[in-house]
Amino acid sequence: MLKEELTEKYFLAKQTALDDYPIFMAIAEDIGYDATGRNTNNNELTEIGIELSKFIVHINKTEK
C-alpha cells in the first residue's frame, strides 16, 4: 500500500518536473542487405537520414 502510494507520488512529481521535448525515432526495416549479406536494392537509411536532417534543422530553428 505504502509502496504503491510512494511510486504514484514519485511518477506524478517526475511528470510535472520534466518539460515535453521533441524526439526523433525511426525504424529501418531494410538497410540494403538481407541476413545473408545479399543486396536487397533498398536502403531505408538514406530516407531516415534525410528526415533526421529536417528534424535537426527544425529543432535548431525552434529551440532558440
C-alpha atoms as a PDB file:
ATOM      1  CA  MET A   1       0.000   0.000   0.000  1.00  0.00           C
ATOM      2  CA  LEU A   2       2.677   2.475   1.001  1.00  0.00           C
ATOM      3  CA  LYS A   3       4.942   1.393  -1.851  1.00  0.00           C
ATOM      4  CA  GLU A   4       2.201   1.989  -4.452  1.00  0.00           C
ATOM      5  CA  GLU A   5       1.370   5.382  -2.958  1.00  0.00           C
ATOM      6  CA  LEU A   6       5.010   6.483  -2.948  1.00  0.00           C
ATOM      7  CA  THR A   7       5.506   5.196  -6.505  1.00  0.00           C
ATOM      8  CA  GLU A   8       2.461   7.117  -7.699  1.00  0.00           C
ATOM      9  CA  LYS A   9       3.652  10.301  -5.994  1.00  0.00           C
ATOM     10  CA  TYR A  10       7.125   9.867  -7.490  1.00  0.00           C
ATOM     11  CA  PHE A  11       5.834   9.476 -11.044  1.00  0.00           C
ATOM     12  CA  LEU A  12       3.450  12.416 -10.654  1.00  0.00           C
ATOM     13  CA  ALA A  13       6.283  14.628  -9.411  1.00  0.00           C
ATOM     14  CA  LYS A  14       8.551  13.408 -12.191  1.00  0.00           C
ATOM     15  CA  GLN A  15       5.947  14.130 -14.878  1.00  0.00           C
ATOM     16  CA  THR A  16       5.360  17.670 -13.651  1.00  0.00           C
ATOM     17  CA  ALA A  17       9.076  18.426 -13.314  1.00  0.00           C
ATOM     18  CA  LEU A  18      10.125  17.347 -16.821  1.00  0.00           C
ATOM     19  CA  ASP A  19       9.300  19.501 -19.820  1.00  0.00           C
ATOM     20  CA  ASP A  20       7.990  17.986 -23.022  1.00  0.00           C
ATOM     21  CA  TYR A  21      10.515  17.943 -25.814  1.00  0.00           C
ATOM     22  CA  PRO A  22      10.533  16.669 -29.380  1.00  0.00           C
ATOM     23  CA  ILE A  23      12.256  13.400 -30.200  1.00  0.00           C
ATOM     24  CA  PHE A  24      13.124  11.690 -33.465  1.00  0.00           C
ATOM     25  CA  MET A  25      12.530   7.984 -33.810  1.00  0.00           C
ATOM     26  CA  ALA A  26      12.800   5.761 -36.859  1.00  0.00           C
ATOM     27  CA  ILE A  27      12.978   2.064 -37.560  1.00  0.00           C
ATOM     28  CA  ALA A  28      14.759   0.791 -40.646  1.00  0.00           C
ATOM     29  CA  GLU A  29      13.198  -2.440 -41.860  1.00  0.00           C
ATOM     30  CA  ASP A  30      15.604  -2.712 -44.806  1.00  0.00           C
ATOM     31  CA  ILE A  31      19.200  -1.459 -44.675  1.00  0.00           C
ATOM     32  CA  GLY A  32      20.213  -2.612 -48.120  1.00  0.00           C
ATOM     33  CA  TYR A  33      21.267  -6.158 -47.254  1.00  0.00           C
ATOM     34  CA  ASP A  34      19.456  -9.260 -46.062  1.00  0.00           C
ATOM     35  CA  ALA A  35      20.578 -11.582 -43.262  1.00  0.00           C
ATOM     36  CA  THR A  36      22.882 -13.465 -45.620  1.00  0.00           C
ATOM     37  CA  GLY A  37      24.588 -10.303 -46.878  1.00  0.00           C
ATOM     38  CA  ARG A  38      22.873 -10.195 -50.269  1.00  0.00           C
ATOM     39  CA  ASN A  39      21.977  -6.800 -51.685  1.00  0.00           C
ATOM     40  CA  THR A  40      18.246  -6.004 -51.482  1.00  0.00           C
ATOM     41  CA  ASN A  41      18.419  -2.873 -53.661  1.00  0.00           C
ATOM     42  CA  ASN A  42      16.508  -0.964 -50.993  1.00  0.00           C
ATOM     43  CA  ASN A  43      18.049   1.139 -48.236  1.00  0.00           C
ATOM     44  CA  GLU A  44      15.747   2.979 -45.855  1.00  0.00           C
ATOM     45  CA  LEU A  45      18.693   4.525 -44.009  1.00  0.00           C
ATOM     46  CA  THR A  46      19.042   7.165 -46.724  1.00  0.00           C
ATOM     47  CA  GLU A  47      15.457   8.318 -46.258  1.00  0.00           C
ATOM     48  CA  ILE A  48      15.813   8.211 -42.470  1.00  0.00           C
ATOM     49  CA  GLY A  49      18.954  10.355 -42.725  1.00  0.00           C
ATOM     50  CA  ILE A  50      17.083  12.966 -44.773  1.00  0.00           C
ATOM     51  CA  GLU A  51      14.224  13.062 -42.266  1.00  0.00           C
ATOM     52  CA  LEU A  52      16.677  13.296 -39.359  1.00  0.00           C
ATOM     53  CA  SER A  53      18.368  16.261 -41.026  1.00  0.00           C
ATOM     54  CA  LYS A  54      14.997  18.002 -41.396  1.00  0.00           C
ATOM     55  CA  PHE A  55      14.236  17.304 -37.734  1.00  0.00           C
ATOM     56  CA  ILE A  56      17.576  18.764 -36.610  1.00  0.00           C
ATOM     57  CA  VAL A  57      17.037  21.903 -38.696  1.00  0.00           C
ATOM     58  CA  HIS A  58      13.556  22.300 -37.212  1.00  0.00           C
ATOM     59  CA  ILE A  59      14.864  21.858 -33.659  1.00  0.00           C
ATOM     60  CA  ASN A  60      17.631  24.388 -34.222  1.00  0.00           C
ATOM     61  CA  LYS A  61      15.096  26.950 -35.517  1.00  0.00           C
ATOM     62  CA  THR A  62      12.518  26.483 -32.759  1.00  0.00           C
ATOM     63  CA  GLU A  63      14.690  25.885 -29.676  1.00  0.00           C
ATOM     64  CA  LYS A  64      16.452  29.249 -29.654  1.00  0.00           C
END
